[in-house]
Amino acid sequence: EWSGFLSEGYELVNSEAPEAAFARAHQAVYGGAVEDRAFTALTDTRFYGLNYDIPSLCFGASGAAMHGFNEYVELDSLRQATKAMALFITEWCGVEKA
């Protein structure tokens, strides 16, 4: 008897422009190309895309034991991820003088 979680799938489509902007930000921070990944896990991008029609990219810091009692994130990875996201937001959304 199945007792696991089932949910409707989600695929981000027509995302060439934001993916290219993020690729440039990633290249600037990490010095390499973004690795595309497809997986069967659930991320918040699914909720934004399916429930609110907000296209979303999934990216973050690295760590281990996600959602476990000993979960952690690597602080240097968090700093790099924050820089990449800030560069992406700056390019994608633009900036204004205060």
PDB file of N, CA and C in Angstrom:
ATOM      1  N   GLU A   1       0.846  -1.185   0.000  1.00  0.00           N
ATOM      2  CA  GLU A   1       0.000   0.000   0.000  1.00  0.00           C
ATOM      3  C   GLU A   1       0.884   1.239   0.000  1.00  0.00           C
ATOM      4  N   TRP A   2       0.638   2.116  -0.960  1.00  0.00           N
ATOM      5  CA  TRP A   2       1.437   3.344  -1.076  1.00  0.00           C
ATOM      6  C   TRP A   2       1.058   4.302   0.042  1.00  0.00           C
ATOM      7  N   SER A   3       2.073   4.826   0.733  1.00  0.00           N
ATOM      8  CA  SER A   3       1.805   5.805   1.793  1.00  0.00           C
ATOM      9  C   SER A   3       2.674   7.043   1.635  1.00  0.00           C
ATOM     10  N   GLY A   4       3.281   7.196   0.465  1.00  0.00           N
ATOM     11  CA  GLY A   4       4.162   8.337   0.221  1.00  0.00           C
ATOM     12  C   GLY A   4       3.410   9.549  -0.280  1.00  0.00           C
ATOM     13  N   PHE A   5       4.145  10.585  -0.547  1.00  0.00           N
ATOM     14  CA  PHE A   5       3.588  11.855  -1.026  1.00  0.00           C
ATOM     15  C   PHE A   5       3.535  11.840  -2.545  1.00  0.00           C
ATOM     16  N   LEU A   6       2.417  12.218  -3.115  1.00  0.00           N
ATOM     17  CA  LEU A   6       2.265  12.355  -4.558  1.00  0.00           C
ATOM     18  C   LEU A   6       1.827  13.778  -4.854  1.00  0.00           C
ATOM     19  N   SER A   7       2.355  14.349  -5.916  1.00  0.00           N
ATOM     20  CA  SER A   7       1.957  15.707  -6.287  1.00  0.00           C
ATOM     21  C   SER A   7       2.036  15.867  -7.798  1.00  0.00           C
ATOM     22  N   GLU A   8       1.329  16.851  -8.275  1.00  0.00           N
ATOM     23  CA  GLU A   8       1.341  17.184  -9.689  1.00  0.00           C
ATOM     24  C   GLU A   8       2.728  17.702 -10.066  1.00  0.00           C
ATOM     25  N   GLY A   9       3.235  17.287 -11.208  1.00  0.00           N
ATOM     26  CA  GLY A   9       4.550  17.719 -11.661  1.00  0.00           C
ATOM     27  C   GLY A   9       4.537  19.146 -12.171  1.00  0.00           C
ATOM     28  N   TYR A  10       5.718  19.714 -12.295  1.00  0.00           N
ATOM     29  CA  TYR A  10       5.867  21.081 -12.785  1.00  0.00           C
ATOM     30  C   TYR A  10       7.133  21.189 -13.616  1.00  0.00           C
ATOM     31  N   GLU A  11       7.026  21.864 -14.731  1.00  0.00           N
ATOM     32  CA  GLU A  11       8.181  22.132 -15.585  1.00  0.00           C
ATOM     33  C   GLU A  11       8.168  23.599 -15.967  1.00  0.00           C
ATOM     34  N   LEU A  12       9.261  24.283 -15.745  1.00  0.00           N
ATOM     35  CA  LEU A  12       9.386  25.681 -16.137  1.00  0.00           C
ATOM     36  C   LEU A  12       9.630  25.736 -17.637  1.00  0.00           C
ATOM     37  N   VAL A  13       8.780  26.434 -18.357  1.00  0.00           N
ATOM     38  CA  VAL A  13       8.906  26.543 -19.813  1.00  0.00           C
ATOM     39  C   VAL A  13       9.063  28.009 -20.197  1.00  0.00           C
ATOM     40  N   ASN A  14       9.557  28.245 -21.395  1.00  0.00           N
ATOM     41  CA  ASN A  14       9.762  29.599 -21.909  1.00  0.00           C
ATOM     42  C   ASN A  14      10.587  30.441 -20.935  1.00  0.00           C
ATOM     43  N   SER A  15      11.630  29.851 -20.432  1.00  0.00           N
ATOM     44  CA  SER A  15      12.431  30.500 -19.397  1.00  0.00           C
ATOM     45  C   SER A  15      13.836  30.861 -19.874  1.00  0.00           C
ATOM     46  N   GLU A  16      14.005  30.968 -21.174  1.00  0.00           N
ATOM     47  CA  GLU A  16      15.343  31.210 -21.705  1.00  0.00           C
ATOM     48  C   GLU A  16      15.943  32.511 -21.187  1.00  0.00           C
ATOM     49  N   ALA A  17      15.174  33.598 -21.130  1.00  0.00           N
ATOM     50  CA  ALA A  17      15.710  34.896 -20.712  1.00  0.00           C
ATOM     51  C   ALA A  17      16.145  34.906 -19.238  1.00  0.00           C
ATOM     52  N   PRO A  18      15.292  34.494 -18.298  1.00  0.00           N
ATOM     53  CA  PRO A  18      15.769  34.501 -16.912  1.00  0.00           C
ATOM     54  C   PRO A  18      16.883  33.481 -16.662  1.00  0.00           C
ATOM     55  N   GLU A  19      16.830  32.345 -17.349  1.00  0.00           N
ATOM     56  CA  GLU A  19      17.902  31.370 -17.180  1.00  0.00           C
ATOM     57  C   GLU A  19      19.226  31.916 -17.700  1.00  0.00           C
ATOM     58  N   ALA A  20      19.195  32.665 -18.791  1.00  0.00           N
ATOM     59  CA  ALA A  20      20.420  33.268 -19.330  1.00  0.00           C
ATOM     60  C   ALA A  20      20.953  34.332 -18.375  1.00  0.00           C
ATOM     61  N   ALA A  21      20.064  35.128 -17.801  1.00  0.00           N
ATOM     62  CA  ALA A  21      20.486  36.147 -16.828  1.00  0.00           C
ATOM     63  C   ALA A  21      21.107  35.487 -15.608  1.00  0.00           C
ATOM     64  N   PHE A  22      20.497  34.414 -15.129  1.00  0.00           N
ATOM     65  CA  PHE A  22      21.074  33.718 -13.984  1.00  0.00           C
ATOM     66  C   PHE A  22      22.396  33.064 -14.351  1.00  0.00           C
ATOM     67  N   ALA A  23      22.502  32.532 -15.553  1.00  0.00           N
ATOM     68  CA  ALA A  23      23.757  31.908 -15.991  1.00  0.00           C
ATOM     69  C   ALA A  23      24.896  32.923 -15.963  1.00  0.00           C
ATOM     70  N   ARG A  24      24.625  34.162 -16.360  1.00  0.00           N
ATOM     71  CA  ARG A  24      25.659  35.201 -16.324  1.00  0.00           C
ATOM     72  C   ARG A  24      26.063  35.515 -14.878  1.00  0.00           C
ATOM     73  N   ALA A  25      25.081  35.598 -13.991  1.00  0.00           N
ATOM     74  CA  ALA A  25      25.381  35.850 -12.581  1.00  0.00           C
ATOM     75  C   ALA A  25      26.179  34.694 -11.988  1.00  0.00           C
ATOM     76  N   HIS A  26      25.780  33.481 -12.311  1.00  0.00           N
ATOM     77  CA  HIS A  26      26.481  32.289 -11.820  1.00  0.00           C
ATOM     78  C   HIS A  26      27.921  32.277 -12.322  1.00  0.00           C
ATOM     79  N   GLN A  27      28.105  32.564 -13.587  1.00  0.00           N
ATOM     80  CA  GLN A  27      29.442  32.599 -14.188  1.00  0.00           C
ATOM     81  C   GLN A  27      30.325  33.624 -13.470  1.00  0.00           C
ATOM     82  N   ALA A  28      29.772  34.786 -13.162  1.00  0.00           N
ATOM     83  CA  ALA A  28      30.541  35.846 -12.501  1.00  0.00           C
ATOM     84  C   ALA A  28      30.994  35.427 -11.103  1.00  0.00           C
ATOM     85  N   VAL A  29      30.166  34.689 -10.382  1.00  0.00           N
ATOM     86  CA  VAL A  29      30.492  34.311  -9.003  1.00  0.00           C
ATOM     87  C   VAL A  29      31.290  33.011  -8.950  1.00  0.00           C
ATOM     88  N   TYR A  30      30.871  32.014  -9.705  1.00  0.00           N
ATOM     89  CA  TYR A  30      31.467  30.680  -9.608  1.00  0.00           C
ATOM     90  C   TYR A  30      32.518  30.398 -10.671  1.00  0.00           C
ATOM     91  N   GLY A  31      32.545  31.209 -11.730  1.00  0.00           N
ATOM     92  CA  GLY A  31      33.523  30.994 -12.782  1.00  0.00           C
ATOM     93  C   GLY A  31      33.236  29.803 -13.664  1.00  0.00           C
ATOM     94  N   GLY A  32      31.999  29.338 -13.679  1.00  0.00           N
ATOM     95  CA  GLY A  32      31.638  28.188 -14.508  1.00  0.00           C
ATOM     96  C   GLY A  32      30.163  28.201 -14.843  1.00  0.00           C
ATOM     97  N   ALA A  33      29.774  27.276 -15.678  1.00  0.00           N
ATOM     98  CA  ALA A  33      28.392  27.196 -16.135  1.00  0.00           C
ATOM     99  C   ALA A  33      27.481  26.606 -15.064  1.00  0.00           C
ATOM    100  N   VAL A  34      26.214  26.995 -15.112  1.00  0.00           N
ATOM    101  CA  VAL A  34      25.199  26.424 -14.229  1.00  0.00           C
ATOM    102  C   VAL A  34      24.935  24.986 -14.668  1.00  0.00           C
ATOM    103  N   GLU A  35      24.835  24.093 -13.711  1.00  0.00           N
ATOM    104  CA  GLU A  35      24.524  22.706 -14.021  1.00  0.00           C
ATOM    105  C   GLU A  35      23.011  22.517 -13.979  1.00  0.00           C
ATOM    106  N   ASP A  36      22.416  22.119 -15.097  1.00  0.00           N
ATOM    107  CA  ASP A  36      20.982  21.827 -15.131  1.00  0.00           C
ATOM    108  C   ASP A  36      20.731  20.506 -14.422  1.00  0.00           C
ATOM    109  N   ARG A  37      19.665  20.478 -13.644  1.00  0.00           N
ATOM    110  CA  ARG A  37      19.303  19.243 -12.947  1.00  0.00           C
ATOM    111  C   ARG A  37      17.805  19.022 -13.070  1.00  0.00           C
ATOM    112  N   ALA A  38      17.446  17.799 -13.301  1.00  0.00           N
ATOM    113  CA  ALA A  38      16.048  17.377 -13.260  1.00  0.00           C
ATOM    114  C   ALA A  38      15.964  16.292 -12.203  1.00  0.00           C
ATOM    115  N   PHE A  39      14.967  16.385 -11.352  1.00  0.00           N
ATOM    116  CA  PHE A  39      14.869  15.416 -10.262  1.00  0.00           C
ATOM    117  C   PHE A  39      13.421  15.236  -9.843  1.00  0.00           C
ATOM    118  N   THR A  40      13.181  14.236  -9.033  1.00  0.00           N
ATOM    119  CA  THR A  40      11.814  13.911  -8.628  1.00  0.00           C
ATOM    120  C   THR A  40      11.433  14.502  -7.277  1.00  0.00           C
ATOM    121  N   ALA A  41      12.304  15.271  -6.677  1.00  0.00           N
ATOM    122  CA  ALA A  41      11.993  15.896  -5.390  1.00  0.00           C
ATOM    123  C   ALA A  41      11.061  17.090  -5.588  1.00  0.00           C
ATOM    124  N   LEU A  42      10.559  17.598  -4.513  1.00  0.00           N
ATOM    125  CA  LEU A  42       9.637  18.727  -4.525  1.00  0.00           C
ATOM    126  C   LEU A  42      10.366  19.992  -4.113  1.00  0.00           C
ATOM    127  N   THR A  43      10.176  21.085  -4.846  1.00  0.00           N
ATOM    128  CA  THR A  43      10.720  22.386  -4.451  1.00  0.00           C
ATOM    129  C   THR A  43       9.587  23.407  -4.471  1.00  0.00           C
ATOM    130  N   ASP A  44       9.838  24.551  -3.873  1.00  0.00           N
ATOM    131  CA  ASP A  44       8.828  25.608  -3.841  1.00  0.00           C
ATOM    132  C   ASP A  44       8.506  26.156  -5.225  1.00  0.00           C
ATOM    133  N   THR A  45       9.390  25.953  -6.202  1.00  0.00           N
ATOM    134  CA  THR A  45       9.100  26.447  -7.546  1.00  0.00           C
ATOM    135  C   THR A  45       7.802  25.846  -8.079  1.00  0.00           C
ATOM    136  N   ARG A  46       7.517  24.629  -7.703  1.00  0.00           N
ATOM    137  CA  ARG A  46       6.275  23.978  -8.123  1.00  0.00           C
ATOM    138  C   ARG A  46       5.048  24.729  -7.608  1.00  0.00           C
ATOM    139  N   PHE A  47       5.078  25.120  -6.347  1.00  0.00           N
ATOM    140  CA  PHE A  47       3.939  25.843  -5.773  1.00  0.00           C
ATOM    141  C   PHE A  47       3.746  27.200  -6.449  1.00  0.00           C
ATOM    142  N   TYR A  48       4.845  27.929  -6.648  1.00  0.00           N
ATOM    143  CA  TYR A  48       4.737  29.237  -7.304  1.00  0.00           C
ATOM    144  C   TYR A  48       4.227  29.092  -8.729  1.00  0.00           C
ATOM    145  N   GLY A  49       4.754  28.111  -9.454  1.00  0.00           N
ATOM    146  CA  GLY A  49       4.370  27.934 -10.847  1.00  0.00           C
ATOM    147  C   GLY A  49       2.951  27.436 -11.030  1.00  0.00           C
ATOM    148  N   LEU A  50       2.576  26.398 -10.283  1.00  0.00           N
ATOM    149  CA  LEU A  50       1.248  25.800 -10.458  1.00  0.00           C
ATOM    150  C   LEU A  50       0.135  26.596  -9.783  1.00  0.00           C
ATOM    151  N   ASN A  51       0.385  27.099  -8.602  1.00  0.00           N
ATOM    152  CA  ASN A  51      -0.682  27.729  -7.824  1.00  0.00           C
ATOM    153  C   ASN A  51      -0.801  29.231  -8.029  1.00  0.00           C
ATOM    154  N   TYR A  52       0.289  29.890  -8.423  1.00  0.00           N
ATOM    155  CA  TYR A  52       0.262  31.348  -8.492  1.00  0.00           C
ATOM    156  C   TYR A  52       0.728  31.898  -9.835  1.00  0.00           C
ATOM    157  N   ASP A  53       1.027  31.022 -10.784  1.00  0.00           N
ATOM    158  CA  ASP A  53       1.480  31.423 -12.114  1.00  0.00           C
ATOM    159  C   ASP A  53       2.714  32.335 -12.047  1.00  0.00           C
ATOM    160  N   ILE A  54       3.615  32.038 -11.114  1.00  0.00           N
ATOM    161  CA  ILE A  54       4.865  32.776 -10.971  1.00  0.00           C
ATOM    162  C   ILE A  54       6.002  31.835 -11.371  1.00  0.00           C
ATOM    163  N   PRO A  55       6.616  32.061 -12.529  1.00  0.00           N
ATOM    164  CA  PRO A  55       7.726  31.195 -12.925  1.00  0.00           C
ATOM    165  C   PRO A  55       8.889  31.376 -11.953  1.00  0.00           C
ATOM    166  N   SER A  56       9.547  30.289 -11.605  1.00  0.00           N
ATOM    167  CA  SER A  56      10.598  30.346 -10.591  1.00  0.00           C
ATOM    168  C   SER A  56      11.760  29.434 -10.942  1.00  0.00           C
ATOM    169  N   LEU A  57      12.941  29.882 -10.576  1.00  0.00           N
ATOM    170  CA  LEU A  57      14.146  29.068 -10.687  1.00  0.00           C
ATOM    171  C   LEU A  57      14.505  28.582  -9.287  1.00  0.00           C
ATOM    172  N   CYS A  58      15.141  27.442  -9.195  1.00  0.00           N
ATOM    173  CA  CYS A  58      15.530  26.874  -7.905  1.00  0.00           C
ATOM    174  C   CYS A  58      17.045  26.873  -7.808  1.00  0.00           C
ATOM    175  N   PHE A  59      17.583  27.548  -6.806  1.00  0.00           N
ATOM    176  CA  PHE A  59      19.023  27.639  -6.616  1.00  0.00           C
ATOM    177  C   PHE A  59      19.301  27.947  -5.158  1.00  0.00           C
ATOM    178  N   GLY A  60      20.392  27.446  -4.640  1.00  0.00           N
ATOM    179  CA  GLY A  60      20.736  27.763  -3.262  1.00  0.00           C
ATOM    180  C   GLY A  60      22.098  27.252  -2.880  1.00  0.00           C
ATOM    181  N   ALA A  61      22.381  27.409  -1.614  1.00  0.00           N
ATOM    182  CA  ALA A  61      23.663  26.998  -1.043  1.00  0.00           C
ATOM    183  C   ALA A  61      23.730  25.480  -0.933  1.00  0.00           C
ATOM    184  N   SER A  62      24.925  24.986  -0.723  1.00  0.00           N
ATOM    185  CA  SER A  62      25.096  23.549  -0.541  1.00  0.00           C
ATOM    186  C   SER A  62      25.261  23.214   0.934  1.00  0.00           C
ATOM    187  N   GLY A  63      25.013  21.987   1.233  1.00  0.00           N
ATOM    188  CA  GLY A  63      25.125  21.493   2.597  1.00  0.00           C
ATOM    189  C   GLY A  63      24.866  20.009   2.575  1.00  0.00           C
ATOM    190  N   ALA A  64      24.296  19.496   3.664  1.00  0.00           N
ATOM    191  CA  ALA A  64      24.023  18.059   3.718  1.00  0.00           C
ATOM    192  C   ALA A  64      22.918  17.774   4.721  1.00  0.00           C
ATOM    193  N   ALA A  65      22.399  16.562   4.640  1.00  0.00           N
ATOM    194  CA  ALA A  65      21.363  16.058   5.548  1.00  0.00           C
ATOM    195  C   ALA A  65      20.114  16.937   5.523  1.00  0.00           C
ATOM    196  N   MET A  66      19.755  17.412   4.331  1.00  0.00           N
ATOM    197  CA  MET A  66      18.613  18.321   4.206  1.00  0.00           C
ATOM    198  C   MET A  66      17.360  17.754   4.873  1.00  0.00           C
ATOM    199  N   HIS A  67      16.733  18.557   5.679  1.00  0.00           N
ATOM    200  CA  HIS A  67      15.514  18.255   6.428  1.00  0.00           C
ATOM    201  C   HIS A  67      15.736  17.212   7.521  1.00  0.00           C
ATOM    202  N   GLY A  68      16.969  16.908   7.812  1.00  0.00           N
ATOM    203  CA  GLY A  68      17.272  15.974   8.893  1.00  0.00           C
ATOM    204  C   GLY A  68      17.606  16.720  10.180  1.00  0.00           C
ATOM    205  N   PHE A  69      17.733  15.993  11.264  1.00  0.00           N
ATOM    206  CA  PHE A  69      18.046  16.624  12.541  1.00  0.00           C
ATOM    207  C   PHE A  69      19.448  17.234  12.537  1.00  0.00           C
ATOM    208  N   ASN A  70      20.312  16.761  11.652  1.00  0.00           N
ATOM    209  CA  ASN A  70      21.672  17.271  11.569  1.00  0.00           C
ATOM    210  C   ASN A  70      21.923  18.037  10.268  1.00  0.00           C
ATOM    211  N   GLU A  71      20.879  18.648   9.731  1.00  0.00           N
ATOM    212  CA  GLU A  71      20.975  19.437   8.503  1.00  0.00           C
ATOM    213  C   GLU A  71      21.946  20.593   8.711  1.00  0.00           C
ATOM    214  N   TYR A  72      22.699  20.918   7.672  1.00  0.00           N
ATOM    215  CA  TYR A  72      23.549  22.103   7.740  1.00  0.00           C
ATOM    216  C   TYR A  72      23.767  22.678   6.356  1.00  0.00           C
ATOM    217  N   VAL A  73      24.175  23.935   6.336  1.00  0.00           N
ATOM    218  CA  VAL A  73      24.533  24.609   5.096  1.00  0.00           C
ATOM    219  C   VAL A  73      25.964  25.108   5.254  1.00  0.00           C
ATOM    220  N   GLU A  74      26.732  25.030   4.190  1.00  0.00           N
ATOM    221  CA  GLU A  74      28.118  25.489   4.204  1.00  0.00           C
ATOM    222  C   GLU A  74      28.118  27.010   4.046  1.00  0.00           C
ATOM    223  N   LEU A  75      28.696  27.723   5.008  1.00  0.00           N
ATOM    224  CA  LEU A  75      28.614  29.185   5.028  1.00  0.00           C
ATOM    225  C   LEU A  75      29.265  29.835   3.815  1.00  0.00           C
ATOM    226  N   ASP A  76      30.401  29.330   3.342  1.00  0.00           N
ATOM    227  CA  ASP A  76      31.008  29.897   2.137  1.00  0.00           C
ATOM    228  C   ASP A  76      30.087  29.720   0.935  1.00  0.00           C
ATOM    229  N   SER A  77      29.413  28.585   0.877  1.00  0.00           N
ATOM    230  CA  SER A  77      28.459  28.335  -0.193  1.00  0.00           C
ATOM    231  C   SER A  77      27.277  29.303  -0.097  1.00  0.00           C
ATOM    232  N   LEU A  78      26.843  29.586   1.109  1.00  0.00           N
ATOM    233  CA  LEU A  78      25.751  30.535   1.317  1.00  0.00           C
ATOM    234  C   LEU A  78      26.148  31.934   0.841  1.00  0.00           C
ATOM    235  N   ARG A  79      27.368  32.334   1.131  1.00  0.00           N
ATOM    236  CA  ARG A  79      27.856  33.647   0.682  1.00  0.00           C
ATOM    237  C   ARG A  79      27.891  33.719  -0.844  1.00  0.00           C
ATOM    238  N   GLN A  80      28.405  32.671  -1.480  1.00  0.00           N
ATOM    239  CA  GLN A  80      28.471  32.656  -2.943  1.00  0.00           C
ATOM    240  C   GLN A  80      27.071  32.654  -3.555  1.00  0.00           C
ATOM    241  N   ALA A  81      26.184  31.843  -3.019  1.00  0.00           N
ATOM    242  CA  ALA A  81      24.817  31.782  -3.542  1.00  0.00           C
ATOM    243  C   ALA A  81      24.129  33.136  -3.406  1.00  0.00           C
ATOM    244  N   THR A  82      24.354  33.808  -2.298  1.00  0.00           N
ATOM    245  CA  THR A  82      23.759  35.135  -2.081  1.00  0.00           C
ATOM    246  C   THR A  82      24.275  36.131  -3.110  1.00  0.00           C
ATOM    247  N   LYS A  83      25.563  36.097  -3.404  1.00  0.00           N
ATOM    248  CA  LYS A  83      26.135  36.987  -4.423  1.00  0.00           C
ATOM    249  C   LYS A  83      25.531  36.699  -5.795  1.00  0.00           C
ATOM    250  N   ALA A  84      25.422  35.426  -6.145  1.00  0.00           N
ATOM    251  CA  ALA A  84      24.854  35.071  -7.453  1.00  0.00           C
ATOM    252  C   ALA A  84      23.402  35.527  -7.559  1.00  0.00           C
ATOM    253  N   MET A  85      22.624  35.322  -6.502  1.00  0.00           N
ATOM    254  CA  MET A  85      21.222  35.754  -6.529  1.00  0.00           C
ATOM    255  C   MET A  85      21.115  37.278  -6.613  1.00  0.00           C
ATOM    256  N   ALA A  86      21.980  37.989  -5.890  1.00  0.00           N
ATOM    257  CA  ALA A  86      21.956  39.456  -5.935  1.00  0.00           C
ATOM    258  C   ALA A  86      22.291  39.964  -7.333  1.00  0.00           C
ATOM    259  N   LEU A  87      23.277  39.366  -7.980  1.00  0.00           N
ATOM    260  CA  LEU A  87      23.614  39.766  -9.349  1.00  0.00           C
ATOM    261  C   LEU A  87      22.470  39.478 -10.304  1.00  0.00           C
ATOM    262  N   PHE A  88      21.840  38.320 -10.146  1.00  0.00           N
ATOM    263  CA  PHE A  88      20.692  37.985 -10.995  1.00  0.00           C
ATOM    264  C   PHE A  88      19.557  38.990 -10.798  1.00  0.00           C
ATOM    265  N   ILE A  89      19.206  39.269  -9.571  1.00  0.00           N
ATOM    266  CA  ILE A  89      18.115  40.209  -9.279  1.00  0.00           C
ATOM    267  C   ILE A  89      18.431  41.587  -9.846  1.00  0.00           C
ATOM    268  N   THR A  90      19.680  42.019  -9.686  1.00  0.00           N
ATOM    269  CA  THR A  90      20.086  43.320 -10.207  1.00  0.00           C
ATOM    270  C   THR A  90      19.902  43.389 -11.716  1.00  0.00           C
ATOM    271  N   GLU A  91      20.322  42.344 -12.421  1.00  0.00           N
ATOM    272  CA  GLU A  91      20.166  42.335 -13.880  1.00  0.00           C
ATOM    273  C   GLU A  91      18.706  42.168 -14.288  1.00  0.00           C
ATOM    274  N   TRP A  92      18.008  41.230 -13.670  1.00  0.00           N
ATOM    275  CA  TRP A  92      16.654  40.898 -14.097  1.00  0.00           C
ATOM    276  C   TRP A  92      15.650  41.993 -13.744  1.00  0.00           C
ATOM    277  N   CYS A  93      15.777  42.553 -12.556  1.00  0.00           N
ATOM    278  CA  CYS A  93      14.807  43.543 -12.088  1.00  0.00           C
ATOM    279  C   CYS A  93      15.259  44.977 -12.299  1.00  0.00           C
ATOM    280  N   GLY A  94      16.560  45.169 -12.418  1.00  0.00           N
ATOM    281  CA  GLY A  94      17.096  46.509 -12.552  1.00  0.00           C
ATOM    282  C   GLY A  94      17.299  47.169 -11.192  1.00  0.00           C
ATOM    283  N   VAL A  95      17.938  48.302 -11.207  1.00  0.00           N
ATOM    284  CA  VAL A  95      18.183  49.053  -9.981  1.00  0.00           C
ATOM    285  C   VAL A  95      17.846  50.522 -10.221  1.00  0.00           C
ATOM    286  N   GLU A  96      17.543  51.208  -9.141  1.00  0.00           N
ATOM    287  CA  GLU A  96      17.273  52.643  -9.195  1.00  0.00           C
ATOM    288  C   GLU A  96      18.108  53.325  -8.119  1.00  0.00           C
ATOM    289  N   LYS A  97      18.485  54.558  -8.359  1.00  0.00           N
ATOM    290  CA  LYS A  97      19.168  55.316  -7.328  1.00  0.00           C
ATOM    291  C   LYS A  97      18.166  55.626  -6.214  1.00  0.00           C
ATOM    292  N   ALA A  98      18.646  55.561  -5.006  1.00  0.00           N
ATOM    293  CA  ALA A  98      17.778  55.837  -3.850  1.00  0.00           C
ATOM    294  C   ALA A  98      17.502  57.329  -3.721  1.00  0.00           C
TER     295      ALA A  98
END
